[in-house]
N, C-alpha and C. Protein backbone atom coordinates (compact mmCIF):
# COMPACT_ATOMS: atom_id res chain seq x y z
N UNK A 1 17.55 6.72 -13.86
CA UNK A 1 17.44 7.95 -13.61
C UNK A 1 18.45 8.32 -12.35
N UNK A 2 19.33 9.13 -12.60
CA UNK A 2 20.23 9.59 -11.38
C UNK A 2 19.36 10.54 -10.45
N UNK A 3 20.21 10.77 -9.33
CA UNK A 3 19.72 11.78 -8.39
C UNK A 3 19.57 13.13 -8.98
N UNK A 4 20.68 13.45 -9.77
CA UNK A 4 20.63 14.73 -10.49
C UNK A 4 19.44 14.78 -11.44
N UNK A 5 19.15 13.72 -12.11
CA UNK A 5 18.06 13.67 -13.07
C UNK A 5 16.75 14.01 -12.30
N UNK A 6 16.67 13.26 -11.20
CA UNK A 6 15.48 13.24 -10.22
C UNK A 6 15.32 14.72 -9.78
N UNK A 7 16.30 15.51 -9.39
CA UNK A 7 16.30 16.85 -8.97
C UNK A 7 15.74 17.77 -10.12
N UNK A 8 16.19 17.55 -11.30
CA UNK A 8 15.84 18.13 -12.56
C UNK A 8 14.24 18.07 -12.63
N UNK A 9 13.86 16.93 -12.44
CA UNK A 9 12.35 16.50 -12.73
C UNK A 9 11.52 17.27 -11.70
N UNK A 10 12.07 17.31 -10.42
CA UNK A 10 11.36 17.79 -9.36
C UNK A 10 11.37 19.18 -9.43
N UNK A 11 12.29 19.94 -9.99
CA UNK A 11 12.25 21.27 -10.31
C UNK A 11 10.94 21.80 -11.06
N UNK A 12 10.38 20.86 -11.77
CA UNK A 12 9.13 21.08 -12.68
C UNK A 12 7.90 20.82 -11.74
N UNK A 13 8.07 20.26 -10.71
CA UNK A 13 6.81 20.07 -9.80
C UNK A 13 6.47 21.17 -8.95
N UNK A 14 5.14 21.60 -9.11
CA UNK A 14 4.71 22.55 -8.19
C UNK A 14 3.50 22.02 -7.27
N UNK A 15 2.89 22.98 -6.55
CA UNK A 15 1.97 22.44 -5.77
C UNK A 15 0.54 21.91 -6.42
N UNK A 16 0.59 22.07 -7.66
CA UNK A 16 -0.74 21.65 -8.13
C UNK A 16 -0.71 20.08 -8.12
N UNK A 17 -1.90 19.44 -8.00
CA UNK A 17 -2.24 18.12 -7.76
C UNK A 17 -1.71 17.27 -8.99
N UNK A 18 -2.00 17.91 -10.31
CA UNK A 18 -1.59 17.23 -11.44
C UNK A 18 0.00 17.06 -11.60
N UNK A 19 0.76 17.98 -11.17
CA UNK A 19 2.18 17.88 -11.37
C UNK A 19 2.73 16.81 -10.45
N UNK A 20 2.25 16.85 -9.12
CA UNK A 20 2.57 15.96 -8.16
C UNK A 20 2.20 14.57 -8.58
N UNK A 21 0.99 14.37 -9.09
CA UNK A 21 0.64 13.11 -9.45
C UNK A 21 1.35 12.52 -10.71
N UNK A 22 1.68 13.43 -11.63
CA UNK A 22 2.68 12.98 -12.81
C UNK A 22 3.90 12.35 -12.16
N UNK A 23 4.48 13.17 -11.31
CA UNK A 23 5.84 12.68 -10.82
C UNK A 23 5.42 11.39 -9.91
N UNK A 24 4.52 11.32 -9.29
CA UNK A 24 4.30 10.16 -8.32
C UNK A 24 4.16 8.94 -9.16
N UNK A 25 3.53 8.96 -10.40
CA UNK A 25 3.34 7.83 -11.31
C UNK A 25 4.67 7.60 -11.87
N UNK A 26 5.61 8.28 -12.13
CA UNK A 26 6.94 7.92 -12.43
C UNK A 26 7.60 7.32 -11.53
N UNK A 27 7.46 7.63 -10.16
CA UNK A 27 8.15 6.91 -9.13
C UNK A 27 7.51 5.55 -8.96
N UNK A 28 6.10 5.42 -9.19
CA UNK A 28 5.55 4.13 -9.01
C UNK A 28 5.89 3.19 -10.04
N UNK A 29 6.28 3.70 -11.11
CA UNK A 29 6.81 2.92 -12.27
C UNK A 29 8.25 2.42 -12.09
N UNK A 30 8.97 3.23 -11.23
CA UNK A 30 10.29 2.87 -10.91
C UNK A 30 10.59 3.08 -9.56
N UNK A 31 10.16 2.16 -8.76
CA UNK A 31 10.29 2.15 -7.28
C UNK A 31 11.81 2.36 -6.74
N UNK A 32 12.71 2.17 -7.47
CA UNK A 32 14.17 2.40 -7.12
C UNK A 32 14.41 3.88 -7.02
N UNK A 33 13.40 4.56 -7.37
CA UNK A 33 13.76 6.07 -7.23
C UNK A 33 13.27 6.56 -5.83
N UNK A 34 12.76 5.53 -5.02
CA UNK A 34 12.44 5.96 -3.59
C UNK A 34 13.59 6.25 -2.76
N UNK A 35 14.50 5.58 -2.96
CA UNK A 35 15.92 5.88 -2.19
C UNK A 35 16.46 7.33 -2.57
N UNK A 36 16.69 7.67 -3.69
CA UNK A 36 17.26 8.92 -4.11
C UNK A 36 16.19 10.08 -3.71
N UNK A 37 14.97 9.82 -3.74
CA UNK A 37 13.76 10.65 -3.42
C UNK A 37 13.87 10.99 -1.86
N UNK A 38 14.21 9.85 -0.97
CA UNK A 38 14.39 10.14 0.43
C UNK A 38 15.68 10.82 0.70
N UNK A 39 16.63 10.58 -0.03
CA UNK A 39 17.90 11.30 0.17
C UNK A 39 17.69 12.74 -0.09
N UNK A 40 16.98 13.28 -1.24
CA UNK A 40 16.70 14.54 -1.48
C UNK A 40 15.70 15.21 -0.29
N UNK A 41 14.93 14.37 0.15
CA UNK A 41 13.80 14.88 0.97
C UNK A 41 14.57 15.26 2.40
N UNK A 42 15.70 14.53 2.87
CA UNK A 42 16.26 14.74 3.95
C UNK A 42 17.47 15.70 3.97
N UNK A 43 17.69 16.08 2.68
CA UNK A 43 19.03 16.96 2.65
C UNK A 43 18.94 18.36 3.23
N UNK A 44 17.78 18.84 3.48
CA UNK A 44 17.93 20.22 4.13
C UNK A 44 16.51 21.04 3.99
N UNK A 45 16.84 22.24 3.85
CA UNK A 45 15.77 23.24 3.80
C UNK A 45 15.23 23.91 2.39
N UNK A 46 16.02 23.30 1.43
CA UNK A 46 15.66 23.86 0.03
C UNK A 46 14.32 23.31 -0.58
N UNK A 47 13.77 24.25 -1.20
CA UNK A 47 12.27 23.99 -1.74
C UNK A 47 12.34 22.46 -2.46
N UNK A 48 13.38 22.18 -2.95
CA UNK A 48 13.34 20.73 -3.65
C UNK A 48 13.16 19.73 -2.69
N UNK A 49 13.35 19.94 -1.41
CA UNK A 49 13.37 18.87 -0.30
C UNK A 49 11.84 18.64 0.08
N UNK A 50 10.99 19.85 -0.10
CA UNK A 50 9.68 19.90 -0.06
C UNK A 50 8.99 19.02 -0.96
N UNK A 51 9.35 19.43 -2.16
CA UNK A 51 8.73 18.71 -3.39
C UNK A 51 8.97 17.13 -3.22
N UNK A 52 10.20 16.75 -2.92
CA UNK A 52 10.42 15.37 -2.69
C UNK A 52 9.43 14.82 -1.50
N UNK A 53 9.23 15.30 -0.49
CA UNK A 53 8.32 15.01 0.48
C UNK A 53 6.72 14.85 -0.17
N UNK A 54 6.46 15.78 -0.87
CA UNK A 54 5.07 15.79 -1.54
C UNK A 54 5.10 14.51 -2.52
N UNK A 55 6.00 14.31 -3.21
CA UNK A 55 5.86 13.23 -4.12
C UNK A 55 5.90 11.91 -3.41
N UNK A 56 6.79 11.72 -2.27
CA UNK A 56 6.75 10.54 -1.55
C UNK A 56 5.17 10.24 -0.88
N UNK A 57 4.59 11.40 -0.42
CA UNK A 57 3.30 11.19 0.05
C UNK A 57 2.34 10.69 -1.07
N UNK A 58 2.42 11.29 -2.15
CA UNK A 58 1.54 10.89 -3.27
C UNK A 58 1.73 9.47 -3.63
N UNK A 59 3.00 9.00 -3.61
CA UNK A 59 3.36 7.53 -3.96
C UNK A 59 2.77 6.72 -2.94
N UNK A 60 2.93 6.93 -1.69
CA UNK A 60 2.74 6.13 -0.65
C UNK A 60 1.24 5.99 -0.31
N UNK A 61 0.45 6.97 -0.74
CA UNK A 61 -0.96 6.76 -0.71
C UNK A 61 -1.46 5.87 -1.67
N UNK A 62 -0.72 5.76 -2.76
CA UNK A 62 -1.08 4.85 -3.80
C UNK A 62 -0.81 3.30 -3.49
N UNK A 63 0.54 3.25 -2.96
CA UNK A 63 1.17 1.91 -2.77
C UNK A 63 2.34 2.17 -1.54
N UNK A 64 2.13 1.59 -0.49
CA UNK A 64 2.89 1.62 0.64
C UNK A 64 4.22 0.79 0.32
N UNK A 65 4.26 -0.38 -0.39
CA UNK A 65 5.21 -1.17 -0.44
C UNK A 65 6.53 -0.49 -1.01
N UNK A 66 6.70 0.42 -1.99
CA UNK A 66 7.94 0.90 -2.40
C UNK A 66 8.73 1.50 -1.10
N UNK A 67 8.27 1.84 -0.07
CA UNK A 67 8.99 2.42 1.03
C UNK A 67 9.73 1.20 1.84
N UNK A 68 9.07 -0.05 1.89
CA UNK A 68 9.59 -0.87 2.60
C UNK A 68 11.04 -1.21 2.61
N UNK A 69 11.74 -1.28 1.63
CA UNK A 69 13.25 -1.54 1.46
C UNK A 69 13.98 -0.34 2.07
N UNK A 70 13.35 0.79 2.29
CA UNK A 70 13.96 2.01 2.81
C UNK A 70 13.39 2.38 4.00
N UNK A 71 12.73 1.58 4.82
CA UNK A 71 11.98 1.96 6.05
C UNK A 71 13.04 2.65 6.99
N UNK A 72 14.27 1.96 7.09
CA UNK A 72 15.22 2.25 8.06
C UNK A 72 15.64 3.94 7.75
N UNK A 73 15.91 4.12 6.49
CA UNK A 73 16.22 5.59 6.17
C UNK A 73 15.24 6.51 6.53
N UNK A 74 13.91 6.16 6.23
CA UNK A 74 12.74 6.87 6.51
C UNK A 74 12.68 7.18 8.04
N UNK A 75 12.69 6.18 8.72
CA UNK A 75 12.42 6.29 10.27
C UNK A 75 13.54 6.85 10.99
N UNK A 76 14.71 6.84 10.48
CA UNK A 76 15.94 7.33 11.24
C UNK A 76 16.04 8.95 10.88
N UNK A 77 15.43 9.30 9.77
CA UNK A 77 15.68 10.64 9.32
C UNK A 77 14.50 11.56 9.38
N UNK A 78 13.24 11.13 9.59
CA UNK A 78 12.03 11.95 9.70
C UNK A 78 12.33 13.16 10.55
N UNK A 79 13.02 12.81 11.83
CA UNK A 79 13.10 13.77 12.93
C UNK A 79 13.82 15.07 12.54
N UNK A 80 14.48 14.91 11.23
CA UNK A 80 15.41 15.96 10.83
C UNK A 80 14.60 17.09 10.13
N UNK A 81 13.46 16.80 9.70
CA UNK A 81 12.59 17.71 9.07
C UNK A 81 12.02 18.78 9.86
N UNK A 82 12.04 20.06 9.41
CA UNK A 82 11.71 21.10 10.36
C UNK A 82 10.75 22.02 9.61
N UNK A 83 10.66 22.06 8.22
CA UNK A 83 9.78 23.09 7.54
C UNK A 83 8.35 22.45 7.40
N UNK A 84 7.40 23.22 7.67
CA UNK A 84 5.98 22.72 7.59
C UNK A 84 5.71 22.09 6.17
N UNK A 85 6.31 22.45 5.13
CA UNK A 85 5.94 21.92 3.86
C UNK A 85 6.59 20.63 3.63
N UNK A 86 7.44 20.12 4.58
CA UNK A 86 8.07 18.91 4.42
C UNK A 86 7.45 17.92 5.69
N UNK A 87 7.25 18.57 6.64
CA UNK A 87 6.69 17.91 7.78
C UNK A 87 5.26 17.36 7.59
N UNK A 88 4.35 18.28 7.03
CA UNK A 88 3.13 17.90 6.76
C UNK A 88 2.92 16.49 5.92
N UNK A 89 3.52 16.37 4.86
CA UNK A 89 3.44 15.15 4.03
C UNK A 89 4.08 14.06 4.83
N UNK A 90 5.18 14.16 5.43
CA UNK A 90 5.79 13.13 6.24
C UNK A 90 5.01 12.58 7.30
N UNK A 91 4.22 13.55 7.97
CA UNK A 91 3.31 13.26 9.11
C UNK A 91 2.15 12.34 8.44
N UNK A 92 1.86 12.69 7.28
CA UNK A 92 0.67 11.83 6.66
C UNK A 92 1.34 10.57 6.27
N UNK A 93 2.51 10.39 5.82
CA UNK A 93 3.08 9.16 5.57
C UNK A 93 3.20 8.21 6.97
N UNK A 94 3.56 8.93 8.00
CA UNK A 94 3.60 8.11 9.22
C UNK A 94 2.26 7.58 9.63
N UNK A 95 1.14 8.57 9.41
CA UNK A 95 -0.16 8.03 9.64
C UNK A 95 -0.60 6.92 8.79
N UNK A 96 -0.18 6.96 7.49
CA UNK A 96 -0.56 5.88 6.49
C UNK A 96 0.17 4.64 7.08
N UNK A 97 1.35 4.67 7.36
CA UNK A 97 2.15 3.53 8.02
C UNK A 97 1.64 2.86 9.10
N UNK A 98 1.41 3.90 10.03
CA UNK A 98 0.69 3.28 11.41
C UNK A 98 -0.66 2.67 11.18
N UNK A 99 -1.46 3.25 10.24
CA UNK A 99 -2.78 2.68 9.96
C UNK A 99 -2.64 1.34 9.34
N UNK A 100 -1.73 1.24 8.49
CA UNK A 100 -1.51 -0.05 7.86
C UNK A 100 -0.85 -1.13 8.80
N UNK A 101 -0.11 -0.75 9.71
CA UNK A 101 0.52 -1.64 10.66
C UNK A 101 -0.53 -2.07 11.62
N UNK A 102 -1.46 -1.22 11.95
CA UNK A 102 -2.59 -1.74 12.95
C UNK A 102 -3.87 -2.14 12.31
N UNK A 103 -3.67 -2.26 10.95
CA UNK A 103 -4.86 -2.70 10.25
C UNK A 103 -5.07 -4.25 10.60
N UNK A 104 -6.42 -4.64 10.50
CA UNK A 104 -6.84 -6.05 10.66
C UNK A 104 -6.41 -6.96 9.43
N UNK A 105 -6.17 -6.29 8.40
CA UNK A 105 -5.75 -6.85 7.00
C UNK A 105 -4.44 -7.15 7.18
N UNK A 106 -3.95 -8.37 6.57
CA UNK A 106 -2.68 -8.78 6.50
C UNK A 106 -1.92 -7.91 5.37
N UNK A 107 -0.68 -7.44 5.73
CA UNK A 107 0.07 -6.63 4.74
C UNK A 107 1.51 -6.79 4.97
N UNK A 108 2.38 -6.21 4.17
CA UNK A 108 3.91 -6.40 4.20
C UNK A 108 4.38 -5.45 5.29
N UNK A 109 3.77 -4.40 5.59
CA UNK A 109 4.25 -3.48 6.61
C UNK A 109 4.47 -4.21 7.94
N UNK A 110 3.37 -5.04 8.11
CA UNK A 110 3.49 -5.72 9.61
C UNK A 110 4.71 -6.61 9.77
N UNK A 111 5.25 -7.14 8.73
CA UNK A 111 6.35 -8.00 8.75
C UNK A 111 7.79 -7.17 8.67
N UNK A 112 7.59 -6.10 8.23
CA UNK A 112 8.95 -5.26 8.04
C UNK A 112 9.11 -4.24 9.24
N UNK A 113 8.00 -3.78 9.62
CA UNK A 113 8.38 -2.54 10.85
C UNK A 113 8.81 -3.39 12.04
N UNK A 114 9.73 -2.83 12.78
CA UNK A 114 10.25 -3.36 14.11
C UNK A 114 9.80 -2.48 15.07
N UNK A 115 9.65 -2.80 16.48
CA UNK A 115 9.47 -1.97 17.40
C UNK A 115 10.31 -0.65 17.45
N UNK A 116 11.49 -0.64 17.01
CA UNK A 116 12.34 0.55 16.92
C UNK A 116 11.87 1.53 15.81
N UNK A 117 11.50 0.98 14.74
CA UNK A 117 10.64 1.84 13.72
C UNK A 117 9.53 2.50 14.28
N UNK A 118 8.78 1.67 14.86
CA UNK A 118 7.56 2.32 15.59
C UNK A 118 7.94 3.31 16.64
N UNK A 119 8.91 3.12 17.44
CA UNK A 119 9.50 4.14 18.47
C UNK A 119 9.84 5.39 17.78
N UNK A 120 10.71 5.14 16.80
CA UNK A 120 11.20 6.44 15.87
C UNK A 120 10.06 7.23 15.36
N UNK A 121 8.92 6.60 14.87
CA UNK A 121 7.76 7.24 14.46
C UNK A 121 7.11 7.90 15.50
N UNK A 122 7.03 7.34 16.41
CA UNK A 122 6.11 7.88 17.70
C UNK A 122 7.02 9.02 18.37
N UNK A 123 8.26 8.91 18.44
CA UNK A 123 8.91 10.09 19.05
C UNK A 123 8.98 11.35 18.09
N UNK A 124 9.00 11.09 16.87
CA UNK A 124 8.77 12.22 15.88
C UNK A 124 7.62 12.76 15.93
N UNK A 125 6.46 11.93 15.89
CA UNK A 125 5.04 12.46 15.91
C UNK A 125 4.86 13.33 17.30
N UNK A 126 5.48 13.02 18.31
CA UNK A 126 5.31 13.81 19.56
C UNK A 126 6.12 15.07 19.32
N UNK A 127 7.17 15.08 18.64
CA UNK A 127 7.81 16.44 18.41
C UNK A 127 6.96 17.26 17.47
N UNK A 128 6.38 16.71 16.39
CA UNK A 128 5.51 17.36 15.62
C UNK A 128 4.34 17.91 16.34
N UNK A 129 3.81 17.02 17.27
CA UNK A 129 2.60 17.49 17.93
C UNK A 129 2.82 18.82 18.95
N UNK A 130 3.98 18.71 19.73
CA UNK A 130 4.21 19.72 20.53
C UNK A 130 5.00 20.86 19.93
N UNK A 131 5.32 20.74 18.76
CA UNK A 131 6.19 21.84 17.98
C UNK A 131 5.41 22.80 17.42
N UNK A 132 6.09 23.86 16.89
CA UNK A 132 5.24 24.78 16.14
C UNK A 132 5.02 24.58 14.67
N UNK A 133 4.31 23.66 14.53
CA UNK A 133 3.80 23.22 13.25
C UNK A 133 2.24 23.37 12.91
N UNK A 134 1.86 23.46 11.65
CA UNK A 134 0.49 23.65 11.33
C UNK A 134 -0.16 22.37 11.73
N UNK A 135 -1.72 22.65 11.87
CA UNK A 135 -2.64 21.68 12.30
C UNK A 135 -2.61 20.37 11.70
N UNK A 136 -2.34 20.38 10.35
CA UNK A 136 -2.38 19.19 9.61
C UNK A 136 -1.27 18.23 10.18
N UNK A 137 0.02 18.53 10.34
CA UNK A 137 0.82 17.73 10.92
C UNK A 137 0.52 17.20 12.20
N UNK A 138 -0.04 18.13 13.00
CA UNK A 138 -0.41 17.74 14.52
C UNK A 138 -1.46 16.71 14.34
N UNK A 139 -2.56 16.94 13.47
CA UNK A 139 -3.62 15.93 13.33
C UNK A 139 -3.20 14.57 12.98
N UNK A 140 -2.39 14.55 11.91
CA UNK A 140 -1.77 13.18 11.49
C UNK A 140 -1.00 12.58 12.62
N UNK A 141 -0.32 13.45 13.38
CA UNK A 141 0.49 12.77 14.48
C UNK A 141 -0.39 12.38 15.56
N UNK A 142 -1.42 12.90 15.82
CA UNK A 142 -2.57 12.49 16.87
C UNK A 142 -3.03 11.02 16.59
N UNK A 143 -3.24 10.91 15.21
CA UNK A 143 -3.69 9.54 14.71
C UNK A 143 -2.55 8.49 15.02
N UNK A 144 -1.62 8.86 14.61
CA UNK A 144 -0.38 7.80 14.49
C UNK A 144 -0.20 7.49 16.05
N UNK A 145 0.01 8.64 16.85
CA UNK A 145 0.13 8.28 18.38
C UNK A 145 -0.88 7.45 18.89
N UNK A 146 -2.20 7.82 18.61
CA UNK A 146 -3.37 6.93 19.14
C UNK A 146 -3.06 5.50 18.95
N UNK A 147 -2.70 5.20 17.69
CA UNK A 147 -2.58 3.86 17.25
C UNK A 147 -1.24 3.27 17.88
N UNK A 148 -0.17 3.99 17.92
CA UNK A 148 0.98 3.51 18.49
C UNK A 148 0.98 3.18 20.05
N UNK A 149 -0.01 3.86 20.65
CA UNK A 149 -0.18 3.44 22.13
C UNK A 149 -0.79 2.15 22.43
N UNK A 150 -1.05 1.46 21.33
CA UNK A 150 -1.43 0.09 21.35
C UNK A 150 -0.23 -0.73 21.74
N UNK A 151 0.87 -0.27 21.30
CA UNK A 151 2.12 -1.04 21.45
C UNK A 151 3.06 -0.51 22.74
N UNK A 152 2.94 0.78 22.91
CA UNK A 152 3.67 1.47 23.87
C UNK A 152 2.98 2.09 24.94
N UNK A 153 2.85 1.38 26.10
CA UNK A 153 2.06 1.91 27.15
C UNK A 153 2.04 3.34 27.59
N UNK A 154 3.29 3.99 27.36
CA UNK A 154 3.52 5.38 27.87
C UNK A 154 2.86 6.28 26.85
N UNK A 155 2.54 5.96 25.75
CA UNK A 155 2.05 6.93 24.82
C UNK A 155 0.64 7.66 25.13
N UNK A 156 -0.26 6.76 25.31
CA UNK A 156 -1.51 7.21 25.60
C UNK A 156 -1.62 8.25 26.74
N UNK A 157 -0.98 7.88 27.97
CA UNK A 157 -1.07 9.06 29.09
C UNK A 157 -0.37 10.51 28.63
N UNK A 158 0.72 10.17 27.93
CA UNK A 158 1.54 11.52 27.54
C UNK A 158 0.60 12.25 26.36
N UNK A 159 -0.08 11.52 25.51
CA UNK A 159 -0.71 12.11 24.39
C UNK A 159 -1.83 12.83 24.94
N UNK A 160 -2.64 12.27 25.96
CA UNK A 160 -3.76 12.80 26.61
C UNK A 160 -3.26 14.28 27.43
N UNK A 161 -2.27 13.92 28.09
CA UNK A 161 -1.73 15.20 28.75
C UNK A 161 -1.47 16.21 27.73
N UNK A 162 -0.89 16.00 26.66
CA UNK A 162 -0.42 17.20 25.72
C UNK A 162 -1.65 17.75 25.09
N UNK A 163 -2.72 16.91 24.76
CA UNK A 163 -3.93 17.37 24.11
C UNK A 163 -4.66 18.21 25.03
N UNK A 164 -4.81 17.98 26.35
CA UNK A 164 -5.58 18.58 27.38
C UNK A 164 -4.91 19.90 27.66
N UNK A 165 -3.59 19.84 27.77
CA UNK A 165 -2.65 21.06 27.90
C UNK A 165 -2.88 22.11 26.94
N UNK A 166 -2.91 21.70 25.57
CA UNK A 166 -2.85 22.55 24.47
C UNK A 166 -4.22 22.75 23.80
N UNK A 167 -5.17 22.30 24.43
CA UNK A 167 -6.62 22.38 23.94
C UNK A 167 -7.16 23.72 23.73
N UNK A 168 -7.07 24.55 24.90
CA UNK A 168 -7.65 25.81 25.02
C UNK A 168 -6.89 26.80 24.02
N UNK A 169 -5.68 26.59 23.62
CA UNK A 169 -4.89 27.67 22.81
C UNK A 169 -4.85 27.12 21.30
N UNK A 170 -5.39 25.92 21.04
CA UNK A 170 -5.44 25.28 19.71
C UNK A 170 -6.49 26.09 18.83
N UNK A 171 -6.30 25.91 17.40
CA UNK A 171 -7.23 26.42 16.53
C UNK A 171 -8.53 25.60 16.47
N UNK A 172 -9.47 25.86 15.76
CA UNK A 172 -10.81 25.24 15.80
C UNK A 172 -10.49 23.66 15.24
N UNK A 173 -9.62 23.61 14.06
CA UNK A 173 -9.21 22.37 13.60
C UNK A 173 -8.49 21.42 14.61
N UNK A 174 -7.49 22.19 15.16
CA UNK A 174 -6.92 21.34 16.30
C UNK A 174 -7.80 20.80 17.46
N UNK A 175 -8.67 21.64 17.86
CA UNK A 175 -9.55 21.33 18.93
C UNK A 175 -10.51 20.14 18.45
N UNK A 176 -10.92 20.17 17.17
CA UNK A 176 -11.85 19.14 16.75
C UNK A 176 -11.02 17.77 16.71
N UNK A 177 -9.87 17.74 16.15
CA UNK A 177 -9.21 16.51 16.15
C UNK A 177 -8.80 16.04 17.45
N UNK A 178 -8.45 17.11 18.36
CA UNK A 178 -8.02 16.66 19.82
C UNK A 178 -9.27 16.19 20.43
N UNK A 179 -10.26 16.74 20.38
CA UNK A 179 -11.53 16.28 20.90
C UNK A 179 -11.87 14.90 20.47
N UNK A 180 -11.65 14.61 19.46
CA UNK A 180 -11.96 13.24 18.82
C UNK A 180 -10.99 12.16 19.40
N UNK A 181 -9.76 12.55 19.42
CA UNK A 181 -8.72 11.86 20.05
C UNK A 181 -8.95 11.59 21.43
N UNK A 182 -9.24 12.58 22.09
CA UNK A 182 -9.42 12.37 23.63
C UNK A 182 -10.57 11.63 23.78
N UNK A 183 -11.61 11.50 23.12
CA UNK A 183 -12.90 10.74 23.23
C UNK A 183 -12.45 9.12 23.08
N UNK A 184 -11.55 9.05 22.13
CA UNK A 184 -11.02 7.53 21.93
C UNK A 184 -10.18 7.24 22.98
N UNK A 185 -9.31 8.14 23.56
CA UNK A 185 -8.46 7.75 24.73
C UNK A 185 -9.22 7.48 26.01
N UNK A 186 -10.26 8.26 26.38
CA UNK A 186 -10.97 8.12 27.74
C UNK A 186 -11.46 6.84 27.92
N UNK A 187 -12.06 6.10 27.04
CA UNK A 187 -12.58 4.55 27.31
C UNK A 187 -11.32 3.82 27.61
N UNK A 188 -10.32 4.17 27.14
CA UNK A 188 -9.08 3.12 27.31
C UNK A 188 -8.45 3.27 28.76
N UNK A 189 -9.00 4.07 29.66
CA UNK A 189 -8.55 4.22 31.00
C UNK A 189 -8.42 2.76 31.76
């Protein structure tokens, strides 16, 4: 399947779980589609880019391994995304990746991710946390940053400062996740 064929297939994807799942199964059967899917996701602001991000999220929820050969492309480009419809699924992917990396279970992601990859994920998650994005992307970013703080000493103090500063103006959902994150940060003093 060429990138053009993939774009045509993505045209039929909509926000329904059924359509996204169907396309994700296709990609899981042909993991070589991850690279063109990433290229589409990072192309710009077209609705097709959002759809590519949705599919990537569904694929990686099922199996994280297909992203591993393309982790450089993913981490070097996630900061380019600006639309909420793209940022939310990619923030979820960052959360999935960091949870796998810090998991007690042995997995491939631990041998593939480098400190540079982790740093790029952390930097982007901070951008999403302090930017004008919806609460879901911010919540996923909080989780990723909480975990990444185990590797980078500077993250936890910065995360705590951002959460405390933005707590009063946050939505109920933001406050709930921020409160949970702050509770986990405070014993770490």
